[in-house]
């Protein structure tokens, strides 16, 4: 993660089936993160963020966020949903560091939520209260019992995705092939597209009260080409369009 990210808390009121006296209350919250999207992009006239700026104009905006140390993806995403620092929630890397047979530390990226996160998350709290939850490409959510539908941010994603969700996404042609190899071989922009479409499908079909969605393409693009390059702007434009279609 390029030190900073843009995070959006968005509430939506799906009124179908909701009693009239409760219809003014927000019943659905989506937390979207754009990995690698530094705060300066919001005011950068070259950054094509039409949908993000529209959402900001209609809502509330913070001037910036303080990045947790270490400033990498999994620790910061876990801070967002626990409210505590990595020193307390215990996620210090994009995975778990363990010694190999020679004693050298190696990162294991496929550990479960309970092995990585030492404190309750917001979705743990909500699930206990009876609210429905979902996570699409969110870090540290492998085998998360408190997520009704999960498509976790791990190396072998489909292996740990909710089986029912894989079946539904395949039937809806969001996944053209449910094999892990086929998914891994897709481009970064295509995977972002699939995560966005999966999130839209889950919202329409299952209407979770709380959903997590994490976009990655802008981060990978900037690691390769650098910030504020043509490629970086194109990646941000792609994600902004995904968010527009989601709504």
Foldseek 3Di string as FASTA:
>chain_A
DQLFKDKDKDFDQDCVPPDPVCRVPTQAIEIEIEPPDDLVLVVDPLFPQVQVVVVCVVHPDDSGDHAAPVRDAQQRLQCVFAVDGCVQQVAHDCADWDADPVGDTDGDNQDALVVHTPDDTNLNVVLVVPFAEEEFQRGRHQVPPSHPFYQYVGLQRLVRGDVVLLVVCCVVVLPVDSDSVVLNPDDLLSSQLSSLVSLLCCCVPPNTSYYYHYRYPLVVQCVVVNPPDPSNSVSSNSNSVSVVVSD
